[in-house]
PDB file of N, CA and C in Angstrom:
ATOM      1  N   MET A   1     127.346 106.859 108.547  1.00  0.00           N
ATOM      2  CA  MET A   1     127.235 106.699 107.118  1.00  0.00           C
ATOM      3  C   MET A   1     128.647 106.554 106.548  1.00  0.00           C
ATOM      4  N   PRO A   2     128.861 105.627 105.603  1.00  0.00           N
ATOM      5  CA  PRO A   2     130.190 105.436 105.042  1.00  0.00           C
ATOM      6  C   PRO A   2     130.723 106.727 104.413  1.00  0.00           C
ATOM      7  N   SER A   3     132.018 106.950 104.547  1.00  0.00           N
ATOM      8  CA  SER A   3     132.587 108.181 103.992  1.00  0.00           C
ATOM      9  C   SER A   3     132.426 108.190 102.476  1.00  0.00           C
ATOM     10  N   GLY A   4     132.092 109.331 101.947  1.00  0.00           N
ATOM     11  CA  GLY A   4     131.906 109.480 100.511  1.00  0.00           C
ATOM     12  C   GLY A   4     130.551 109.016 100.000  1.00  0.00           C
ATOM     13  N   PHE A   5     129.742 108.379 100.858  1.00  0.00           N
ATOM     14  CA  PHE A   5     128.427 107.893 100.447  1.00  0.00           C
ATOM     15  C   PHE A   5     127.470 109.071 100.361  1.00  0.00           C
ATOM     16  N   GLN A   6     126.853 109.249  99.200  1.00  0.00           N
ATOM     17  CA  GLN A   6     125.925 110.351  98.991  1.00  0.00           C
ATOM     18  C   GLN A   6     124.552 109.773  98.653  1.00  0.00           C
ATOM     19  N   PRO A   7     123.674 109.697  99.648  1.00  0.00           N
ATOM     20  CA  PRO A   7     122.380 109.048  99.454  1.00  0.00           C
ATOM     21  C   PRO A   7     121.558 109.613  98.305  1.00  0.00           C
ATOM     22  N   GLN A   8     121.591 110.923  98.126  1.00  0.00           N
ATOM     23  CA  GLN A   8     120.751 111.537  97.091  1.00  0.00           C
ATOM     24  C   GLN A   8     121.075 110.990  95.700  1.00  0.00           C
ATOM     25  N   THR A   9     122.274 110.435  95.526  1.00  0.00           N
ATOM     26  CA  THR A   9     122.669 109.852  94.250  1.00  0.00           C
ATOM     27  C   THR A   9     121.814 108.629  93.923  1.00  0.00           C
ATOM     28  N   TYR A  10     121.299 107.957  94.948  1.00  0.00           N
ATOM     29  CA  TYR A  10     120.608 106.692  94.757  1.00  0.00           C
ATOM     30  C   TYR A  10     119.083 106.802  94.831  1.00  0.00           C
ATOM     31  N   VAL A  11     118.567 107.976  95.061  1.00  0.00           N
ATOM     32  CA  VAL A  11     117.125 108.154  95.188  1.00  0.00           C
ATOM     33  C   VAL A  11     116.510 108.348  93.804  1.00  0.00           C
ATOM     34  N   ASP A  12     115.502 107.560  93.521  1.00  0.00           N
ATOM     35  CA  ASP A  12     114.767 107.664  92.264  1.00  0.00           C
ATOM     36  C   ASP A  12     113.283 107.641  92.633  1.00  0.00           C
ATOM     37  N   PRO A  13     112.514 108.654  92.227  1.00  0.00           N
ATOM     38  CA  PRO A  13     111.083 108.678  92.585  1.00  0.00           C
ATOM     39  C   PRO A  13     110.336 107.418  92.141  1.00  0.00           C
ATOM     40  N   LYS A  14     110.811 106.770  91.087  1.00  0.00           N
ATOM     41  CA  LYS A  14     110.157 105.549  90.609  1.00  0.00           C
ATOM     42  C   LYS A  14     110.374 104.367  91.560  1.00  0.00           C
ATOM     43  N   ASP A  15     111.302 104.518  92.510  1.00  0.00           N
ATOM     44  CA  ASP A  15     111.568 103.447  93.469  1.00  0.00           C
ATOM     45  C   ASP A  15     110.429 103.258  94.458  1.00  0.00           C
ATOM     46  N   ASN A  16     109.557 104.245  94.582  1.00  0.00           N
ATOM     47  CA  ASN A  16     108.399 104.157  95.486  1.00  0.00           C
ATOM     48  C   ASN A  16     108.838 103.757  96.899  1.00  0.00           C
ATOM     49  N   ASP A  17     109.870 104.432  97.377  1.00  0.00           N
ATOM     50  CA  ASP A  17     110.429 104.160  98.715  1.00  0.00           C
ATOM     51  C   ASP A  17     110.785 102.694  98.932  1.00  0.00           C
ATOM     52  N   GLY A  18     111.241 102.039  97.877  1.00  0.00           N
ATOM     53  CA  GLY A  18     111.663 100.642  97.970  1.00  0.00           C
ATOM     54  C   GLY A  18     110.598  99.659  97.556  1.00  0.00           C
ATOM     55  N   PHE A  19     109.353 100.121  97.438  1.00  0.00           N
ATOM     56  CA  PHE A  19     108.248  99.233  97.097  1.00  0.00           C
ATOM     57  C   PHE A  19     107.960  99.219  95.593  1.00  0.00           C
ATOM     58  N   ALA A  20     108.965  99.493  94.791  1.00  0.00           N
ATOM     59  CA  ALA A  20     108.824  99.354  93.344  1.00  0.00           C
ATOM     60  C   ALA A  20     108.865  97.867  93.003  1.00  0.00           C
ATOM     61  N   LYS A  21     108.206  97.495  91.940  1.00  0.00           N
ATOM     62  CA  LYS A  21     108.184  96.091  91.533  1.00  0.00           C
ATOM     63  C   LYS A  21     109.569  95.717  90.998  1.00  0.00           C
ATOM     64  N   PRO A  22     110.245  94.752  91.652  1.00  0.00           N
ATOM     65  CA  PRO A  22     111.571  94.367  91.173  1.00  0.00           C
ATOM     66  C   PRO A  22     111.472  93.558  89.879  1.00  0.00           C
ATOM     67  N   VAL A  23     112.468  93.717  89.037  1.00  0.00           N
ATOM     68  CA  VAL A  23     112.509  93.005  87.767  1.00  0.00           C
ATOM     69  C   VAL A  23     113.555  91.893  87.805  1.00  0.00           C
ATOM     70  N   THR A  24     114.591  92.090  88.605  1.00  0.00           N
ATOM     71  CA  THR A  24     115.685  91.128  88.730  1.00  0.00           C
ATOM     72  C   THR A  24     116.080  91.009  90.206  1.00  0.00           C
ATOM     73  N   PRO A  25     116.839  89.974  90.548  1.00  0.00           N
ATOM     74  CA  PRO A  25     117.322  89.870  91.923  1.00  0.00           C
ATOM     75  C   PRO A  25     118.233  91.039  92.300  1.00  0.00           C
ATOM     76  N   SER A  26     119.014  91.525  91.357  1.00  0.00           N
ATOM     77  CA  SER A  26     119.880  92.675  91.671  1.00  0.00           C
ATOM     78  C   SER A  26     119.052  93.933  91.902  1.00  0.00           C
ATOM     79  N   ASP A  27     117.929  94.039  91.228  1.00  0.00           N
ATOM     80  CA  ASP A  27     117.015  95.159  91.459  1.00  0.00           C
ATOM     81  C   ASP A  27     116.475  95.099  92.891  1.00  0.00           C
ATOM     82  N   THR A  28     116.099  93.907  93.335  1.00  0.00           N
ATOM     83  CA  THR A  28     115.649  93.728  94.712  1.00  0.00           C
ATOM     84  C   THR A  28     116.733  94.140  95.693  1.00  0.00           C
ATOM     85  N   MET A  29     117.961  93.674  95.458  1.00  0.00           N
ATOM     86  CA  MET A  29     119.047  93.988  96.393  1.00  0.00           C
ATOM     87  C   MET A  29     119.357  95.483  96.396  1.00  0.00           C
ATOM     88  N   ARG A  30     119.263  96.134  95.252  1.00  0.00           N
ATOM     89  CA  ARG A  30     119.492  97.585  95.193  1.00  0.00           C
ATOM     90  C   ARG A  30     118.432  98.316  96.011  1.00  0.00           C
ATOM     91  N   LEU A  31     117.181  97.917  95.833  1.00  0.00           N
ATOM     92  CA  LEU A  31     116.082  98.570  96.555  1.00  0.00           C
ATOM     93  C   LEU A  31     116.150  98.300  98.061  1.00  0.00           C
ATOM     94  N   LEU A  32     116.474  97.065  98.435  1.00  0.00           N
ATOM     95  CA  LEU A  32     116.591  96.762  99.858  1.00  0.00           C
ATOM     96  C   LEU A  32     117.748  97.533 100.487  1.00  0.00           C
ATOM     97  N   THR A  33     118.871  97.584  99.798  1.00  0.00           N
ATOM     98  CA  THR A  33     120.034  98.297 100.326  1.00  0.00           C
ATOM     99  C   THR A  33     119.716  99.775 100.529  1.00  0.00           C
ATOM    100  N   ALA A  34     119.009 100.357  99.592  1.00  0.00           N
ATOM    101  CA  ALA A  34     118.720 101.786  99.665  1.00  0.00           C
ATOM    102  C   ALA A  34     117.581 102.127 100.614  1.00  0.00           C
ATOM    103  N   TYR A  35     116.592 101.246 100.771  1.00  0.00           N
ATOM    104  CA  TYR A  35     115.381 101.637 101.485  1.00  0.00           C
ATOM    105  C   TYR A  35     115.097 100.874 102.775  1.00  0.00           C
ATOM    106  N   MET A  36     115.834  99.795 103.062  1.00  0.00           N
ATOM    107  CA  MET A  36     115.672  99.197 104.385  1.00  0.00           C
ATOM    108  C   MET A  36     116.210 100.188 105.398  1.00  0.00           C
ATOM    109  N   ARG A  37     115.561 100.287 106.520  1.00  0.00           N
ATOM    110  CA  ARG A  37     115.919 101.308 107.503  1.00  0.00           C
ATOM    111  C   ARG A  37     116.787 100.778 108.636  1.00  0.00           C
ATOM    112  N   THR A  38     116.836  99.451 108.799  1.00  0.00           N
ATOM    113  CA  THR A  38     117.590  98.872 109.909  1.00  0.00           C
ATOM    114  C   THR A  38     118.738  98.013 109.397  1.00  0.00           C
ATOM    115  N   ASP A  39     119.582  97.609 110.340  1.00  0.00           N
ATOM    116  CA  ASP A  39     120.720  96.781 109.977  1.00  0.00           C
ATOM    117  C   ASP A  39     120.344  95.319 109.722  1.00  0.00           C
ATOM    118  N   ILE A  40     119.052  95.019 109.690  1.00  0.00           N
ATOM    119  CA  ILE A  40     118.622  93.683 109.254  1.00  0.00           C
ATOM    120  C   ILE A  40     119.126  93.457 107.834  1.00  0.00           C
ATOM    121  N   LEU A  41     119.346  94.544 107.116  1.00  0.00           N
ATOM    122  CA  LEU A  41     119.911  94.443 105.765  1.00  0.00           C
ATOM    123  C   LEU A  41     121.185  93.597 105.770  1.00  0.00           C
ATOM    124  N   SER A  42     122.011  93.730 106.792  1.00  0.00           N
ATOM    125  CA  SER A  42     123.260  92.961 106.830  1.00  0.00           C
ATOM    126  C   SER A  42     122.984  91.460 106.901  1.00  0.00           C
ATOM    127  N   LEU A  43     121.889  91.053 107.561  1.00  0.00           N
ATOM    128  CA  LEU A  43     121.508  89.634 107.583  1.00  0.00           C
ATOM    129  C   LEU A  43     121.123  89.153 106.190  1.00  0.00           C
ATOM    130  N   VAL A  44     120.385  89.989 105.478  1.00  0.00           N
ATOM    131  CA  VAL A  44     119.976  89.637 104.111  1.00  0.00           C
ATOM    132  C   VAL A  44     121.217  89.499 103.229  1.00  0.00           C
ATOM    133  N   GLN A  45     122.105  90.472 103.304  1.00  0.00           N
ATOM    134  CA  GLN A  45     123.309  90.440 102.481  1.00  0.00           C
ATOM    135  C   GLN A  45     124.172  89.230 102.809  1.00  0.00           C
ATOM    136  N   TYR A  46     124.324  88.926 104.096  1.00  0.00           N
ATOM    137  CA  TYR A  46     125.112  87.760 104.498  1.00  0.00           C
ATOM    138  C   TYR A  46     124.471  86.474 103.966  1.00  0.00           C
ATOM    139  N   ALA A  47     123.156  86.339 104.136  1.00  0.00           N
ATOM    140  CA  ALA A  47     122.464  85.126 103.691  1.00  0.00           C
ATOM    141  C   ALA A  47     122.565  84.950 102.181  1.00  0.00           C
ATOM    142  N   VAL A  48     122.416  86.025 101.435  1.00  0.00           N
ATOM    143  CA  VAL A  48     122.532  85.943  99.972  1.00  0.00           C
ATOM    144  C   VAL A  48     123.942  85.498  99.595  1.00  0.00           C
ATOM    145  N   ARG A  49     124.937  86.117 100.194  1.00  0.00           N
ATOM    146  CA  ARG A  49     126.331  85.787  99.881  1.00  0.00           C
ATOM    147  C   ARG A  49     126.644  84.334 100.258  1.00  0.00           C
ATOM    148  N   HIS A  50     126.157  83.910 101.421  1.00  0.00           N
ATOM    149  CA  HIS A  50     126.391  82.536 101.862  1.00  0.00           C
ATOM    150  C   HIS A  50     125.764  81.538 100.882  1.00  0.00           C
ATOM    151  N   LEU A  51     124.530  81.778 100.508  1.00  0.00           N
ATOM    152  CA  LEU A  51     123.859  80.889  99.553  1.00  0.00           C
ATOM    153  C   LEU A  51     124.555  80.904  98.197  1.00  0.00           C
ATOM    154  N   TYR A  52     124.947  82.075  97.769  1.00  0.00           N
ATOM    155  CA  TYR A  52     125.634  82.203  96.479  1.00  0.00           C
ATOM    156  C   TYR A  52     126.936  81.399  96.480  1.00  0.00           C
ATOM    157  N   ASP A  53     127.639  81.422  97.612  1.00  0.00           N
ATOM    158  CA  ASP A  53     128.928  80.736  97.707  1.00  0.00           C
ATOM    159  C   ASP A  53     128.813  79.237  97.953  1.00  0.00           C
ATOM    160  N   THR A  54     127.718  78.782  98.562  1.00  0.00           N
ATOM    161  CA  THR A  54     127.650  77.381  98.981  1.00  0.00           C
ATOM    162  C   THR A  54     126.625  76.525  98.242  1.00  0.00           C
ATOM    163  N   VAL A  55     125.658  77.128  97.616  1.00  0.00           N
ATOM    164  CA  VAL A  55     124.601  76.359  96.956  1.00  0.00           C
ATOM    165  C   VAL A  55     124.604  76.689  95.468  1.00  0.00           C
ATOM    166  N   ASP A  56     124.558  75.651  94.662  1.00  0.00           N
ATOM    167  CA  ASP A  56     124.559  75.855  93.214  1.00  0.00           C
ATOM    168  C   ASP A  56     123.122  76.123  92.743  1.00  0.00           C
ATOM    169  N   GLN A  57     122.764  77.406  92.757  1.00  0.00           N
ATOM    170  CA  GLN A  57     121.433  77.800  92.305  1.00  0.00           C
ATOM    171  C   GLN A  57     121.512  79.185  91.678  1.00  0.00           C
ATOM    172  N   SER A  58     120.460  79.572  91.013  1.00  0.00           N
ATOM    173  CA  SER A  58     120.441  80.873  90.350  1.00  0.00           C
ATOM    174  C   SER A  58     120.409  81.995  91.383  1.00  0.00           C
ATOM    175  N   SER A  59     120.771  83.180  90.946  1.00  0.00           N
ATOM    176  CA  SER A  59     120.772  84.326  91.860  1.00  0.00           C
ATOM    177  C   SER A  59     119.360  84.655  92.346  1.00  0.00           C
ATOM    178  N   ILE A  60     118.365  84.461  91.509  1.00  0.00           N
ATOM    179  CA  ILE A  60     116.993  84.756  91.942  1.00  0.00           C
ATOM    180  C   ILE A  60     116.580  83.801  93.065  1.00  0.00           C
ATOM    181  N   HIS A  61     117.001  82.540  92.973  1.00  0.00           N
ATOM    182  CA  HIS A  61     116.695  81.596  94.043  1.00  0.00           C
ATOM    183  C   HIS A  61     117.481  81.927  95.311  1.00  0.00           C
ATOM    184  N   SER A  62     118.721  82.370  95.163  1.00  0.00           N
ATOM    185  CA  SER A  62     119.530  82.745  96.333  1.00  0.00           C
ATOM    186  C   SER A  62     118.897  83.914  97.081  1.00  0.00           C
ATOM    187  N   VAL A  63     118.485  84.937  96.356  1.00  0.00           N
ATOM    188  CA  VAL A  63     117.883  86.110  96.996  1.00  0.00           C
ATOM    189  C   VAL A  63     116.539  85.732  97.617  1.00  0.00           C
ATOM    190  N   SER A  64     115.740  84.966  96.914  1.00  0.00           N
ATOM    191  CA  SER A  64     114.441  84.538  97.427  1.00  0.00           C
ATOM    192  C   SER A  64     114.603  83.691  98.689  1.00  0.00           C
ATOM    193  N   THR A  65     115.502  82.735  98.649  1.00  0.00           N
ATOM    194  CA  THR A  65     115.738  81.874  99.814  1.00  0.00           C
ATOM    195  C   THR A  65     116.263  82.683 100.991  1.00  0.00           C
ATOM    196  N   ALA A  66     117.176  83.599 100.721  1.00  0.00           N
ATOM    197  CA  ALA A  66     117.739  84.435 101.786  1.00  0.00           C
ATOM    198  C   ALA A  66     116.649  85.287 102.444  1.00  0.00           C
ATOM    199  N   LEU A  67     115.805  85.911 101.640  1.00  0.00           N
ATOM    200  CA  LEU A  67     114.720  86.721 102.201  1.00  0.00           C
ATOM    201  C   LEU A  67     113.781  85.860 103.039  1.00  0.00           C
ATOM    202  N   ASN A  68     113.469  84.690 102.546  1.00  0.00           N
ATOM    203  CA  ASN A  68     112.584  83.782 103.282  1.00  0.00           C
ATOM    204  C   ASN A  68     113.214  83.399 104.617  1.00  0.00           C
ATOM    205  N   GLU A  69     114.493  83.072 104.631  1.00  0.00           N
ATOM    206  CA  GLU A  69     115.172  82.680 105.868  1.00  0.00           C
ATOM    207  C   GLU A  69     115.244  83.840 106.857  1.00  0.00           C
ATOM    208  N   VAL A  70     115.594  85.023 106.375  1.00  0.00           N
ATOM    209  CA  VAL A  70     115.699  86.182 107.261  1.00  0.00           C
ATOM    210  C   VAL A  70     114.323  86.553 107.819  1.00  0.00           C
ATOM    211  N   LEU A  71     113.299  86.485 106.990  1.00  0.00           N
ATOM    212  CA  LEU A  71     111.944  86.773 107.485  1.00  0.00           C
ATOM    213  C   LEU A  71     111.529  85.777 108.569  1.00  0.00           C
ATOM    214  N   LYS A  72     111.838  84.500 108.384  1.00  0.00           N
ATOM    215  CA  LYS A  72     111.488  83.496 109.389  1.00  0.00           C
ATOM    216  C   LYS A  72     112.146  83.811 110.724  1.00  0.00           C
ATOM    217  N   VAL A  73     113.389  84.232 110.681  1.00  0.00           N
ATOM    218  CA  VAL A  73     114.136  84.519 111.908  1.00  0.00           C
ATOM    219  C   VAL A  73     113.654  85.809 112.557  1.00  0.00           C
ATOM    220  N   THR A  74     113.401  86.834 111.763  1.00  0.00           N
ATOM    221  CA  THR A  74     113.118  88.155 112.325  1.00  0.00           C
ATOM    222  C   THR A  74     111.653  88.396 112.651  1.00  0.00           C
ATOM    223  N   VAL A  75     110.738  87.743 111.962  1.00  0.00           N
ATOM    224  CA  VAL A  75     109.315  88.037 112.172  1.00  0.00           C
ATOM    225  C   VAL A  75     108.861  87.657 113.584  1.00  0.00           C
ATOM    226  N   GLU A  76     109.489  86.655 114.173  1.00  0.00           N
ATOM    227  CA  GLU A  76     109.099  86.215 115.509  1.00  0.00           C
ATOM    228  C   GLU A  76     109.901  86.900 116.608  1.00  0.00           C
ATOM    229  N   LYS A  77     110.885  87.673 116.241  1.00  0.00           N
ATOM    230  CA  LYS A  77     111.762  88.317 117.212  1.00  0.00           C
ATOM    231  C   LYS A  77     111.240  89.719 117.524  1.00  0.00           C
ATOM    232  N   THR A  78     111.311  90.091 118.771  1.00  0.00           N
ATOM    233  CA  THR A  78     110.960  91.446 119.167  1.00  0.00           C
ATOM    234  C   THR A  78     112.221  92.297 119.062  1.00  0.00           C
ATOM    235  N   PRO A  79     112.156  93.390 118.333  1.00  0.00           N
ATOM    236  CA  PRO A  79     113.354  94.226 118.205  1.00  0.00           C
ATOM    237  C   PRO A  79     113.792  94.759 119.566  1.00  0.00           C
ATOM    238  N   ASP A  80     115.093  94.870 119.743  1.00  0.00           N
ATOM    239  CA  ASP A  80     115.614  95.370 121.017  1.00  0.00           C
ATOM    240  C   ASP A  80     116.633  96.481 120.768  1.00  0.00           C
ATOM    241  N   HIS A  81     117.343  96.826 121.798  1.00  0.00           N
ATOM    242  CA  HIS A  81     118.291  97.938 121.734  1.00  0.00           C
ATOM    243  C   HIS A  81     119.477  97.674 120.800  1.00  0.00           C
ATOM    244  N   THR A  82     119.650  96.418 120.357  1.00  0.00           N
ATOM    245  CA  THR A  82     120.781  96.120 119.467  1.00  0.00           C
ATOM    246  C   THR A  82     120.477  96.466 118.014  1.00  0.00           C
ATOM    247  N   LEU A  83     119.223  96.697 117.694  1.00  0.00           N
ATOM    248  CA  LEU A  83     118.837  97.045 116.333  1.00  0.00           C
ATOM    249  C   LEU A  83     119.319  98.456 116.009  1.00  0.00           C
ATOM    250  N   THR A  84     120.046  98.600 114.920  1.00  0.00           N
ATOM    251  CA  THR A  84     120.576  99.909 114.552  1.00  0.00           C
ATOM    252  C   THR A  84     120.151 100.289 113.146  1.00  0.00           C
ATOM    253  N   ARG A  85     120.481 101.507 112.800  1.00  0.00           N
ATOM    254  CA  ARG A  85     120.119 102.089 111.515  1.00  0.00           C
ATOM    255  C   ARG A  85     120.947 101.476 110.378  1.00  0.00           C
ATOM    256  N   ASN A  86     120.315 101.284 109.222  1.00  0.00           N
ATOM    257  CA  ASN A  86     121.014 100.873 108.007  1.00  0.00           C
ATOM    258  C   ASN A  86     121.855 102.051 107.520  1.00  0.00           C
ATOM    259  N   LYS A  87     123.140 101.875 107.462  1.00  0.00           N
ATOM    260  CA  LYS A  87     124.012 102.994 107.090  1.00  0.00           C
ATOM    261  C   LYS A  87     123.896 103.381 105.620  1.00  0.00           C
ATOM    262  N   TYR A  88     123.209 102.576 104.821  1.00  0.00           N
ATOM    263  CA  TYR A  88     123.034 102.903 103.399  1.00  0.00           C
ATOM    264  C   TYR A  88     121.634 103.426 103.077  1.00  0.00           C
ATOM    265  N   HIS A  89     120.820 103.632 104.091  1.00  0.00           N
ATOM    266  CA  HIS A  89     119.457 104.136 103.880  1.00  0.00           C
ATOM    267  C   HIS A  89     119.530 105.504 103.215  1.00  0.00           C
ATOM    268  N   VAL A  90     118.802 105.682 102.121  1.00  0.00           N
ATOM    269  CA  VAL A  90     118.987 106.881 101.296  1.00  0.00           C
ATOM    270  C   VAL A  90     118.044 108.045 101.603  1.00  0.00           C
ATOM    271  N   VAL A  91     117.069 107.834 102.458  1.00  0.00           N
ATOM    272  CA  VAL A  91     116.122 108.910 102.736  1.00  0.00           C
ATOM    273  C   VAL A  91     116.734 109.838 103.785  1.00  0.00           C
ATOM    274  N   GLU A  92     117.177 110.980 103.316  1.00  0.00           N
ATOM    275  CA  GLU A  92     117.820 111.932 104.212  1.00  0.00           C
ATOM    276  C   GLU A  92     116.805 112.510 105.186  1.00  0.00           C
ATOM    277  N   GLY A  93     117.251 112.748 106.402  1.00  0.00           N
ATOM    278  CA  GLY A  93     116.397 113.350 107.406  1.00  0.00           C
ATOM    279  C   GLY A  93     115.478 112.362 108.105  1.00  0.00           C
ATOM    280  N   HIS A  94     115.548 111.085 107.725  1.00  0.00           N
ATOM    281  CA  HIS A  94     114.694 110.085 108.367  1.00  0.00           C
ATOM    282  C   HIS A  94     115.135 109.904 109.817  1.00  0.00           C
ATOM    283  N   ARG A  95     114.182 110.004 110.730  1.00  0.00           N
ATOM    284  CA  ARG A  95     114.473 109.801 112.154  1.00  0.00           C
ATOM    285  C   ARG A  95     114.291 108.318 112.474  1.00  0.00           C
ATOM    286  N   PHE A  96     115.352 107.697 112.918  1.00  0.00           N
ATOM    287  CA  PHE A  96     115.335 106.264 113.210  1.00  0.00           C
ATOM    288  C   PHE A  96     114.410 105.967 114.392  1.00  0.00           C
ATOM    289  N   ASP A  97     113.487 105.046 114.172  1.00  0.00           N
ATOM    290  CA  ASP A  97     112.584 104.547 115.208  1.00  0.00           C
ATOM    291  C   ASP A  97     112.617 103.021 115.096  1.00  0.00           C
ATOM    292  N   ALA A  98     113.312 102.369 116.009  1.00  0.00           N
ATOM    293  CA  ALA A  98     113.580 100.934 115.899  1.00  0.00           C
ATOM    294  C   ALA A  98     112.321 100.108 115.635  1.00  0.00           C
ATOM    295  N   LEU A  99     111.253 100.337 116.380  1.00  0.00           N
ATOM    296  CA  LEU A  99     110.045  99.529 116.208  1.00  0.00           C
ATOM    297  C   LEU A  99     109.365  99.773 114.866  1.00  0.00           C
ATOM    298  N   ALA A 100     109.163 101.027 114.519  1.00  0.00           N
ATOM    299  CA  ALA A 100     108.503 101.355 113.249  1.00  0.00           C
ATOM    300  C   ALA A 100     109.369 100.939 112.061  1.00  0.00           C
ATOM    301  N   ASP A 101     110.661 101.159 112.160  1.00  0.00           N
ATOM    302  CA  ASP A 101     111.556 100.823 111.055  1.00  0.00           C
ATOM    303  C   ASP A 101     111.712  99.310 110.897  1.00  0.00           C
ATOM    304  N   TYR A 102     111.672  98.593 112.009  1.00  0.00           N
ATOM    305  CA  TYR A 102     111.701  97.127 111.982  1.00  0.00           C
ATOM    306  C   TYR A 102     110.469  96.611 111.230  1.00  0.00           C
ATOM    307  N   ALA A 103     109.295  97.132 111.573  1.00  0.00           N
ATOM    308  CA  ALA A 103     108.051  96.722 110.911  1.00  0.00           C
ATOM    309  C   ALA A 103     108.104  97.067 109.422  1.00  0.00           C
ATOM    310  N   HIS A 104     108.624  98.239 109.103  1.00  0.00           N
ATOM    311  CA  HIS A 104     108.768  98.650 107.703  1.00  0.00           C
ATOM    312  C   HIS A 104     109.645  97.659 106.943  1.00  0.00           C
ATOM    313  N   ASP A 105     110.772  97.287 107.530  1.00  0.00           N
ATOM    314  CA  ASP A 105     111.704  96.384 106.851  1.00  0.00           C
ATOM    315  C   ASP A 105     111.102  95.001 106.636  1.00  0.00           C
ATOM    316  N   LEU A 106     110.310  94.525 107.593  1.00  0.00           N
ATOM    317  CA  LEU A 106     109.633  93.237 107.409  1.00  0.00           C
ATOM    318  C   LEU A 106     108.667  93.305 106.231  1.00  0.00           C
ATOM    319  N   ARG A 107     107.905  94.402 106.152  1.00  0.00           N
ATOM    320  CA  ARG A 107     106.971  94.576 105.021  1.00  0.00           C
ATOM    321  C   ARG A 107     107.727  94.654 103.698  1.00  0.00           C
ATOM    322  N   LEU A 108     108.838  95.391 103.685  1.00  0.00           N
ATOM    323  CA  LEU A 108     109.619  95.558 102.454  1.00  0.00           C
ATOM    324  C   LEU A 108     110.207  94.225 101.991  1.00  0.00           C
ATOM    325  N   MET A 109     110.755  93.454 102.930  1.00  0.00           N
ATOM    326  CA  MET A 109     111.307  92.141 102.555  1.00  0.00           C
ATOM    327  C   MET A 109     110.207  91.212 102.051  1.00  0.00           C
ATOM    328  N   ALA A 110     109.064  91.194 102.721  1.00  0.00           N
ATOM    329  CA  ALA A 110     107.951  90.335 102.298  1.00  0.00           C
ATOM    330  C   ALA A 110     107.448  90.734 100.914  1.00  0.00           C
ATOM    331  N   TYR A 111     107.389  92.026 100.660  1.00  0.00           N
ATOM    332  CA  TYR A 111     106.969  92.534  99.356  1.00  0.00           C
ATOM    333  C   TYR A 111     107.900  92.015  98.253  1.00  0.00           C
ATOM    334  N   HIS A 112     109.205  92.135  98.480  1.00  0.00           N
ATOM    335  CA  HIS A 112     110.164  91.691  97.465  1.00  0.00           C
ATOM    336  C   HIS A 112     110.179  90.172  97.322  1.00  0.00           C
ATOM    337  N   LEU A 113     110.030  89.458  98.428  1.00  0.00           N
ATOM    338  CA  LEU A 113     109.960  88.001  98.356  1.00  0.00           C
ATOM    339  C   LEU A 113     108.766  87.578  97.513  1.00  0.00           C
ATOM    340  N   GLN A 114     107.629  88.209  97.735  1.00  0.00           N
ATOM    341  CA  GLN A 114     106.421  87.876  96.981  1.00  0.00           C
ATOM    342  C   GLN A 114     106.658  88.083  95.477  1.00  0.00           C
ATOM    343  N   HIS A 115     107.272  89.194  95.104  1.00  0.00           N
ATOM    344  CA  HIS A 115     107.500  89.461  93.686  1.00  0.00           C
ATOM    345  C   HIS A 115     108.546  88.527  93.082  1.00  0.00           C
ATOM    346  N   LEU A 116     109.573  88.183  93.835  1.00  0.00           N
ATOM    347  CA  LEU A 116     110.566  87.234  93.327  1.00  0.00           C
ATOM    348  C   LEU A 116     109.935  85.863  93.126  1.00  0.00           C
ATOM    349  N   GLU A 117     109.060  85.459  94.039  1.00  0.00           N
ATOM    350  CA  GLU A 117     108.377  84.170  93.886  1.00  0.00           C
ATOM    351  C   GLU A 117     107.474  84.165  92.652  1.00  0.00           C
ATOM    352  N   LEU A 118     106.853  85.294  92.347  1.00  0.00           N
ATOM    353  CA  LEU A 118     106.041  85.383  91.121  1.00  0.00           C
ATOM    354  C   LEU A 118     106.915  85.260  89.879  1.00  0.00           C
ATOM    355  N   ILE A 119     108.076  85.892  89.910  1.00  0.00           N
ATOM    356  CA  ILE A 119     109.004  85.804  88.774  1.00  0.00           C
ATOM    357  C   ILE A 119     109.481  84.367  88.606  1.00  0.00           C
ATOM    358  N   ILE A 120     109.831  83.708  89.706  1.00  0.00           N
ATOM    359  CA  ILE A 120     110.280  82.306  89.655  1.00  0.00           C
ATOM    360  C   ILE A 120     109.183  81.435  89.080  1.00  0.00           C
ATOM    361  N   ALA A 121     107.958  81.610  89.529  1.00  0.00           N
ATOM    362  CA  ALA A 121     106.833  80.818  89.028  1.00  0.00           C
ATOM    363  C   ALA A 121     106.639  81.031  87.525  1.00  0.00           C
ATOM    364  N   GLU A 122     106.767  82.274  87.089  1.00  0.00           N
ATOM    365  CA  GLU A 122     106.624  82.584  85.662  1.00  0.00           C
ATOM    366  C   GLU A 122     107.731  81.928  84.848  1.00  0.00           C
ATOM    367  N   ILE A 123     108.947  81.984  85.342  1.00  0.00           N
ATOM    368  CA  ILE A 123     110.077  81.344  84.658  1.00  0.00           C
ATOM    369  C   ILE A 123     109.846  79.832  84.551  1.00  0.00           C
ATOM    370  N   GLU A 124     109.466  79.221  85.673  1.00  0.00           N
ATOM    371  CA  GLU A 124     109.243  77.771  85.678  1.00  0.00           C
ATOM    372  C   GLU A 124     108.105  77.383  84.746  1.00  0.00           C
ATOM    373  N   GLU A 125     107.066  78.214  84.690  1.00  0.00           N
ATOM    374  CA  GLU A 125     105.933  77.938  83.792  1.00  0.00           C
ATOM    375  C   GLU A 125     106.378  78.008  82.336  1.00  0.00           C
ATOM    376  N   ASN A 126     107.214  79.005  82.030  1.00  0.00           N
ATOM    377  CA  ASN A 126     107.683  79.174  80.655  1.00  0.00           C
ATOM    378  C   ASN A 126     108.678  78.094  80.237  1.00  0.00           C
ATOM    379  N   MET A 127     109.317  77.460  81.189  1.00  0.00           N
ATOM    380  CA  MET A 127     110.302  76.424  80.876  1.00  0.00           C
ATOM    381  C   MET A 127     109.655  75.052  80.705  1.00  0.00           C
ATOM    382  N   SER A 128     108.416  74.908  81.138  1.00  0.00           N
ATOM    383  CA  SER A 128     107.774  73.584  81.014  1.00  0.00           C
ATOM    384  C   SER A 128     106.959  73.458  79.760  1.00  0.00           C
TER     385      SER A 128
END
């Protein structure tokens, strides 16, 4: 865990263990950072940053596209011994279990992708 990082500072019961309905792309990233259990989070963060730096699109599209790309890559992969714990996971006392935590993270990413896509659809509907 990073020095000085205090997980209890970031825990909010309304977060529903990361499955709270996101309102903004930054809300999604905050929830994923705090509640993803594996280092797949680093793939999401890298993909978001890469898209943000290279593609001229809104942040909601960058986060949505990044989640979609990471899910495509990870959903077909069997987790192995290289999968490690997310160092920013805020649930103290959680015992890392690579297989269960991998499945949890896939569900969490899919949940947030689904909600971001609904927000995008609503925005596009309101703009037409």
